[in-house]
């Protein structure tokens, strides 16, 4: 899907910002924060090669990309105890 947004030139002429790229980043961030976009979708929208680039992008923009609770860690610890020899 292509979306066109018309913004008056004078809004961005005073800065050195790549306005189309920044708008795309803001949309991707908002979509990820709201749960409407996944890491993979953000990667594709922004044209990143790897998930690590997405993680770096999210971190630089103050977004925690890992939703990993203490309960998740405990569950994985118990699973590892079962499958790895002592």
N, C-alpha and C. Protein backbone atom coordinates (compact mmCIF):
# COMPACT_ATOMS: atom_id res chain seq x y z
N UNK A 1 0.85 -1.16 0.00
CA UNK A 1 0.00 0.00 0.00
C UNK A 1 0.90 1.23 0.00
N UNK A 2 0.58 2.17 -0.81
CA UNK A 2 1.28 3.45 -0.82
C UNK A 2 0.37 4.51 -0.24
N UNK A 3 0.96 5.37 0.58
CA UNK A 3 0.21 6.46 1.19
C UNK A 3 0.96 7.75 0.90
N UNK A 4 0.25 8.73 0.47
CA UNK A 4 0.86 10.04 0.24
C UNK A 4 0.33 11.02 1.27
N UNK A 5 1.25 11.79 1.82
CA UNK A 5 0.90 12.81 2.81
C UNK A 5 1.42 14.14 2.29
N UNK A 6 0.59 15.12 2.26
CA UNK A 6 1.00 16.44 1.77
C UNK A 6 1.26 17.35 2.96
N UNK A 7 2.51 17.77 3.08
CA UNK A 7 2.93 18.66 4.17
C UNK A 7 3.55 19.89 3.53
N UNK A 8 3.15 21.07 3.96
CA UNK A 8 3.71 22.28 3.36
C UNK A 8 5.23 22.30 3.47
N UNK A 9 5.90 22.74 2.41
CA UNK A 9 7.36 22.78 2.37
C UNK A 9 7.96 23.56 3.53
N UNK A 10 7.32 24.64 3.91
CA UNK A 10 7.91 25.48 4.95
C UNK A 10 8.00 24.78 6.31
N UNK A 11 7.26 23.72 6.49
CA UNK A 11 7.32 22.97 7.74
C UNK A 11 8.69 22.33 7.92
N UNK A 12 9.26 21.81 6.84
CA UNK A 12 10.53 21.10 6.94
C UNK A 12 11.71 21.82 6.30
N UNK A 13 11.50 22.91 5.63
CA UNK A 13 12.60 23.63 4.99
C UNK A 13 13.59 24.21 5.98
N UNK A 14 13.20 24.41 7.20
CA UNK A 14 14.06 25.06 8.18
C UNK A 14 14.97 24.07 8.91
N UNK A 15 14.85 22.80 8.62
CA UNK A 15 15.66 21.80 9.31
C UNK A 15 16.41 20.95 8.29
N UNK A 16 17.37 20.22 8.77
CA UNK A 16 18.12 19.30 7.91
C UNK A 16 17.57 17.88 8.03
N UNK A 17 16.33 17.75 8.40
CA UNK A 17 15.71 16.45 8.61
C UNK A 17 15.24 15.88 7.27
N UNK A 18 15.48 14.58 7.08
CA UNK A 18 14.91 13.87 5.94
C UNK A 18 13.45 13.59 6.31
N UNK A 19 12.58 14.53 5.96
CA UNK A 19 11.19 14.49 6.42
C UNK A 19 10.47 13.20 6.05
N UNK A 20 10.53 12.74 4.81
CA UNK A 20 9.80 11.50 4.50
C UNK A 20 10.28 10.31 5.34
N UNK A 21 11.59 10.21 5.53
CA UNK A 21 12.13 9.11 6.35
C UNK A 21 11.68 9.25 7.79
N UNK A 22 11.75 10.46 8.33
CA UNK A 22 11.37 10.66 9.74
C UNK A 22 9.90 10.37 9.95
N UNK A 23 9.06 10.75 9.02
CA UNK A 23 7.62 10.46 9.14
C UNK A 23 7.39 8.95 9.13
N UNK A 24 8.09 8.25 8.25
CA UNK A 24 7.98 6.80 8.19
C UNK A 24 8.43 6.17 9.51
N UNK A 25 9.50 6.69 10.09
CA UNK A 25 9.98 6.17 11.37
C UNK A 25 8.97 6.40 12.49
N UNK A 26 8.36 7.57 12.50
CA UNK A 26 7.36 7.88 13.53
C UNK A 26 6.16 6.94 13.40
N UNK A 27 5.74 6.68 12.18
CA UNK A 27 4.63 5.76 11.96
C UNK A 27 5.00 4.35 12.42
N UNK A 28 6.20 3.91 12.08
CA UNK A 28 6.65 2.57 12.48
C UNK A 28 6.73 2.46 14.01
N UNK A 29 7.28 3.50 14.65
CA UNK A 29 7.37 3.48 16.11
C UNK A 29 5.99 3.43 16.75
N UNK A 30 5.08 4.25 16.28
CA UNK A 30 3.73 4.27 16.84
C UNK A 30 3.04 2.93 16.62
N UNK A 31 3.22 2.35 15.45
CA UNK A 31 2.62 1.06 15.16
C UNK A 31 3.17 -0.03 16.04
N UNK A 32 4.48 -0.01 16.28
CA UNK A 32 5.09 -1.02 17.14
C UNK A 32 4.64 -0.84 18.59
N UNK A 33 4.67 0.40 19.07
CA UNK A 33 4.26 0.67 20.46
C UNK A 33 2.83 0.25 20.73
N UNK A 34 1.96 0.44 19.73
CA UNK A 34 0.54 0.11 19.92
C UNK A 34 0.26 -1.38 19.74
N UNK A 35 1.26 -2.13 19.27
CA UNK A 35 1.06 -3.55 19.05
C UNK A 35 0.49 -3.88 17.68
N UNK A 36 0.31 -2.86 16.86
CA UNK A 36 -0.24 -3.09 15.52
C UNK A 36 0.81 -3.57 14.53
N UNK A 37 2.09 -3.33 14.83
CA UNK A 37 3.17 -3.78 13.97
C UNK A 37 4.12 -4.68 14.75
N UNK A 38 4.62 -5.69 14.09
CA UNK A 38 5.61 -6.58 14.70
C UNK A 38 7.02 -6.08 14.35
N UNK A 39 8.02 -6.70 14.98
CA UNK A 39 9.41 -6.40 14.66
C UNK A 39 9.66 -6.61 13.17
N UNK A 40 9.15 -7.72 12.64
CA UNK A 40 9.35 -8.03 11.23
C UNK A 40 8.71 -6.98 10.33
N UNK A 41 7.53 -6.51 10.69
CA UNK A 41 6.87 -5.49 9.88
C UNK A 41 7.64 -4.16 9.94
N UNK A 42 8.14 -3.80 11.12
CA UNK A 42 8.94 -2.58 11.24
C UNK A 42 10.19 -2.71 10.38
N UNK A 43 10.80 -3.87 10.42
CA UNK A 43 12.00 -4.13 9.61
C UNK A 43 11.72 -3.90 8.13
N UNK A 44 10.61 -4.41 7.65
CA UNK A 44 10.27 -4.27 6.23
C UNK A 44 9.89 -2.84 5.88
N UNK A 45 9.13 -2.19 6.74
CA UNK A 45 8.72 -0.81 6.47
C UNK A 45 9.92 0.12 6.36
N UNK A 46 10.89 -0.07 7.26
CA UNK A 46 12.03 0.83 7.30
C UNK A 46 13.19 0.35 6.43
N UNK A 47 13.05 -0.81 5.83
CA UNK A 47 14.08 -1.30 4.92
C UNK A 47 15.34 -1.78 5.60
N UNK A 48 15.22 -2.25 6.82
CA UNK A 48 16.39 -2.77 7.53
C UNK A 48 16.70 -4.17 7.02
N UNK A 49 17.98 -4.51 7.07
CA UNK A 49 18.43 -5.83 6.63
C UNK A 49 18.25 -6.88 7.72
N UNK A 50 18.43 -6.48 8.97
CA UNK A 50 18.39 -7.45 10.07
C UNK A 50 17.50 -6.97 11.20
N UNK A 51 17.12 -7.93 12.04
CA UNK A 51 16.33 -7.60 13.24
C UNK A 51 17.15 -6.76 14.20
N UNK A 52 18.47 -6.98 14.22
CA UNK A 52 19.33 -6.19 15.11
C UNK A 52 19.25 -4.70 14.79
N UNK A 53 19.11 -4.37 13.52
CA UNK A 53 18.95 -2.97 13.14
C UNK A 53 17.64 -2.41 13.70
N UNK A 54 16.60 -3.23 13.72
CA UNK A 54 15.33 -2.80 14.30
C UNK A 54 15.48 -2.59 15.80
N UNK A 55 16.15 -3.53 16.47
CA UNK A 55 16.35 -3.41 17.91
C UNK A 55 17.12 -2.13 18.23
N UNK A 56 18.14 -1.84 17.44
CA UNK A 56 18.94 -0.64 17.64
C UNK A 56 18.09 0.61 17.42
N UNK A 57 17.30 0.61 16.36
CA UNK A 57 16.40 1.72 16.06
C UNK A 57 15.41 1.96 17.21
N UNK A 58 14.81 0.87 17.69
CA UNK A 58 13.85 1.01 18.79
C UNK A 58 14.52 1.53 20.05
N UNK A 59 15.69 1.00 20.37
CA UNK A 59 16.42 1.44 21.56
C UNK A 59 16.79 2.92 21.47
N UNK A 60 17.24 3.35 20.31
CA UNK A 60 17.61 4.76 20.12
C UNK A 60 16.40 5.69 20.26
N UNK A 61 15.22 5.12 20.07
CA UNK A 61 14.00 5.91 20.18
C UNK A 61 13.25 5.63 21.48
N UNK A 62 13.95 5.02 22.44
CA UNK A 62 13.39 4.84 23.77
C UNK A 62 12.31 3.80 23.88
N UNK A 63 12.32 2.84 22.97
CA UNK A 63 11.29 1.79 23.00
C UNK A 63 11.93 0.47 23.40
N UNK A 64 11.40 -0.13 24.44
CA UNK A 64 11.87 -1.45 24.85
C UNK A 64 11.30 -2.47 23.88
N UNK A 65 12.16 -3.22 23.23
CA UNK A 65 11.70 -4.19 22.24
C UNK A 65 11.52 -5.57 22.82
N UNK A 66 11.99 -5.78 24.04
CA UNK A 66 11.87 -7.10 24.65
C UNK A 66 10.79 -7.07 25.72
N UNK A 67 9.86 -7.94 25.57
CA UNK A 67 8.81 -8.11 26.58
C UNK A 67 9.09 -9.44 27.24
N UNK A 68 9.99 -9.44 28.22
CA UNK A 68 10.49 -10.67 28.83
C UNK A 68 10.38 -10.52 30.34
N UNK A 69 9.45 -11.24 30.91
CA UNK A 69 9.18 -11.11 32.34
C UNK A 69 10.02 -12.08 33.17
N UNK A 70 9.98 -11.91 34.46
CA UNK A 70 10.64 -12.83 35.38
C UNK A 70 10.02 -14.22 35.24
N UNK A 71 8.73 -14.27 35.02
CA UNK A 71 8.04 -15.54 34.83
C UNK A 71 8.57 -16.26 33.58
N UNK A 72 8.81 -15.49 32.51
CA UNK A 72 9.38 -16.07 31.30
C UNK A 72 10.76 -16.67 31.59
N UNK A 73 11.58 -15.94 32.31
CA UNK A 73 12.92 -16.42 32.65
C UNK A 73 12.86 -17.68 33.50
N UNK A 74 11.97 -17.71 34.46
CA UNK A 74 11.83 -18.88 35.33
C UNK A 74 11.35 -20.10 34.54
N UNK A 75 10.41 -19.90 33.66
CA UNK A 75 9.91 -21.00 32.82
C UNK A 75 11.05 -21.56 31.95
N UNK A 76 11.86 -20.68 31.38
CA UNK A 76 12.97 -21.14 30.56
C UNK A 76 14.06 -21.82 31.40
N UNK A 77 14.28 -21.33 32.60
CA UNK A 77 15.26 -21.95 33.49
C UNK A 77 14.85 -23.38 33.81
N UNK A 78 13.58 -23.58 34.12
CA UNK A 78 13.07 -24.93 34.43
C UNK A 78 13.18 -25.84 33.21
N UNK A 79 12.88 -25.32 32.05
CA UNK A 79 12.99 -26.11 30.82
C UNK A 79 14.44 -26.52 30.57
N UNK A 80 15.36 -25.58 30.74
CA UNK A 80 16.78 -25.90 30.56
C UNK A 80 17.27 -26.94 31.56
N UNK A 81 16.77 -26.90 32.78
CA UNK A 81 17.15 -27.90 33.78
C UNK A 81 16.70 -29.30 33.34
N UNK A 82 15.56 -29.36 32.66
CA UNK A 82 15.06 -30.65 32.21
C UNK A 82 15.87 -31.22 31.04
N UNK A 83 16.31 -30.34 30.16
CA UNK A 83 16.93 -30.85 28.94
C UNK A 83 18.46 -30.89 28.98
N UNK A 84 19.07 -30.16 29.90
CA UNK A 84 20.54 -30.17 30.01
C UNK A 84 20.98 -31.05 31.18
N UNK A 85 22.00 -31.85 30.95
CA UNK A 85 22.48 -32.68 32.05
C UNK A 85 23.09 -31.82 33.15
N UNK A 86 22.97 -32.30 34.36
CA UNK A 86 23.48 -31.55 35.52
C UNK A 86 24.96 -31.62 35.64
